[in-house]
Amino acid sequence: MAGITERNKQKVELASLGYSLKYIDEWQPKTTLYRHKPSYNVEGLIVADIGTTTPNVPGSPDYVLSKARIGLFPWPPSITCECKWCVDRNGEKKAKEVKTEDDSSVIAVGG
């Protein structure tokens, strides 16, 4: 469990990555994360593309923060997403439709 100083640092970092400031106080025990950055294997091939979901992961702020640093967020990638990976891609790639777990469609930016 993080102390007050650590929680405040996490709040600031989460906010800088696009999270609501109240997320740290109201987090869910489990969440689904979406890739905003592709994952590559040692040969340089994509093994998990943009928009791929990772369901049922811990929703604690420290875990989500560590995953956000590598491009995993609890919202799908989109044209309006302001993470560094989506912002970098917006001018380079066309939007494509991605199905989420609940079968709703979202617009994701990616290959």
Protein backbone atom coordinates (compact mmCIF):
# COMPACT_ATOMS: atom_id res chain seq x y z
CA MET A 1 0.00 0.00 0.00
CA ALA A 2 1.37 3.37 -0.98
CA GLY A 3 1.71 6.23 1.48
CA ILE A 4 0.31 9.73 0.93
CA THR A 5 3.45 11.00 -0.81
CA GLU A 6 3.54 8.01 -3.17
CA ARG A 7 -0.21 8.32 -3.88
CA ASN A 8 0.23 12.01 -4.75
CA LYS A 9 3.10 11.17 -7.12
CA GLN A 10 0.94 8.47 -8.74
CA LYS A 11 -1.96 10.92 -9.11
CA VAL A 12 0.27 13.44 -10.87
CA GLU A 13 1.75 10.81 -13.20
CA LEU A 14 -1.65 9.25 -13.95
CA ALA A 15 -3.05 12.71 -14.74
CA SER A 16 -0.14 13.41 -17.09
CA LEU A 17 -0.99 10.15 -18.93
CA GLY A 18 -4.67 11.11 -19.36
CA TYR A 19 -6.31 9.55 -16.29
CA SER A 20 -8.85 11.32 -14.12
CA LEU A 21 -7.36 12.60 -10.86
CA LYS A 22 -9.99 10.67 -8.89
CA TYR A 23 -8.99 7.35 -10.53
CA ILE A 24 -6.53 6.56 -7.76
CA ASP A 25 -9.31 6.80 -5.14
CA GLU A 26 -12.03 4.96 -7.10
CA TRP A 27 -10.15 2.25 -9.02
CA GLN A 28 -11.78 -1.06 -9.93
CA PRO A 29 -10.27 -4.36 -8.71
CA LYS A 30 -10.09 -5.73 -12.29
CA THR A 31 -10.03 -3.93 -15.63
CA THR A 32 -9.37 -4.47 -19.33
CA LEU A 33 -6.37 -2.77 -20.91
CA TYR A 34 -6.04 -1.85 -24.59
CA ARG A 35 -2.75 -1.66 -26.48
CA HIS A 36 -1.93 1.80 -27.81
CA LYS A 37 1.52 0.59 -28.84
CA PRO A 38 2.17 -2.71 -30.63
CA SER A 39 4.16 -5.44 -28.89
CA TYR A 40 7.05 -7.06 -30.77
CA ASN A 41 8.87 -10.36 -30.32
CA VAL A 42 12.67 -10.75 -30.45
CA GLU A 43 12.59 -11.13 -34.26
CA GLY A 44 10.85 -7.76 -34.54
CA LEU A 45 7.46 -9.18 -35.57
CA ILE A 46 4.26 -7.74 -34.09
CA VAL A 47 2.73 -10.22 -31.64
CA ALA A 48 0.02 -7.93 -30.25
CA ASP A 49 -1.29 -5.16 -32.49
CA ILE A 50 -2.80 -1.81 -31.56
CA GLY A 51 -6.28 -2.25 -30.05
CA THR A 52 -5.56 -5.73 -28.68
CA THR A 53 -7.22 -6.23 -25.29
CA THR A 54 -5.75 -7.67 -22.12
CA PRO A 55 -8.78 -8.54 -19.97
CA ASN A 56 -9.07 -9.11 -16.24
CA VAL A 57 -5.88 -7.41 -15.08
CA PRO A 58 -5.45 -5.65 -11.71
CA GLY A 59 -6.99 -2.19 -11.71
CA SER A 60 -4.80 -0.81 -8.92
CA PRO A 61 -3.21 2.56 -9.75
CA ASP A 62 0.36 1.33 -9.36
CA TYR A 63 -0.23 -1.60 -11.76
CA VAL A 64 -2.15 0.49 -14.31
CA LEU A 65 0.53 3.19 -14.12
CA SER A 66 3.30 0.68 -14.86
CA LYS A 67 1.34 -0.61 -17.87
CA ALA A 68 0.53 2.92 -19.10
CA ARG A 69 4.27 3.56 -19.37
CA ILE A 70 4.44 0.79 -22.00
CA GLY A 71 1.29 1.76 -23.93
CA LEU A 72 -1.57 -0.12 -22.21
CA PHE A 73 -4.60 1.92 -21.12
CA PRO A 74 -8.16 1.08 -19.92
CA TRP A 75 -9.69 2.87 -22.92
CA PRO A 76 -9.39 1.89 -26.59
CA PRO A 77 -7.00 3.78 -28.85
CA SER A 78 -8.74 6.46 -30.87
CA ILE A 79 -8.22 9.55 -32.95
CA THR A 80 -9.01 11.69 -29.92
CA CYS A 81 -6.72 9.80 -27.54
CA GLU A 82 -3.90 11.98 -26.28
CA CYS A 83 -1.38 9.31 -25.26
CA LYS A 84 2.00 9.73 -26.91
CA TRP A 85 1.55 6.68 -29.14
CA CYS A 86 -1.83 7.76 -30.53
CA VAL A 87 -0.65 11.35 -31.00
CA ASP A 88 2.43 10.13 -32.90
CA ARG A 89 0.26 7.92 -35.15
CA ASN A 90 -2.59 10.33 -35.86
CA GLY A 91 -0.92 12.03 -38.82
CA GLU A 92 0.63 8.84 -40.20
CA LYS A 93 -2.09 6.18 -40.24
CA LYS A 94 -5.76 6.08 -41.14
CA ALA A 95 -8.38 5.27 -38.56
CA LYS A 96 -9.82 1.78 -38.49
CA GLU A 97 -12.75 0.25 -36.68
CA VAL A 98 -12.00 -2.06 -33.75
CA LYS A 99 -14.47 -4.27 -31.88
CA THR A 100 -14.30 -4.04 -28.09
CA GLU A 101 -15.15 -6.85 -25.67
CA ASP A 102 -18.76 -5.70 -25.39
CA ASP A 103 -19.08 -5.79 -29.23
CA SER A 104 -19.31 -2.03 -29.51
CA SER A 105 -17.28 -0.40 -32.26
CA VAL A 106 -14.61 2.19 -31.63
CA ILE A 107 -12.36 4.02 -34.03
CA ALA A 108 -8.74 3.10 -33.42
CA VAL A 109 -5.66 4.51 -35.03
CA GLY A 110 -3.22 1.91 -36.20
CA GLY A 111 -1.91 -0.36 -38.93
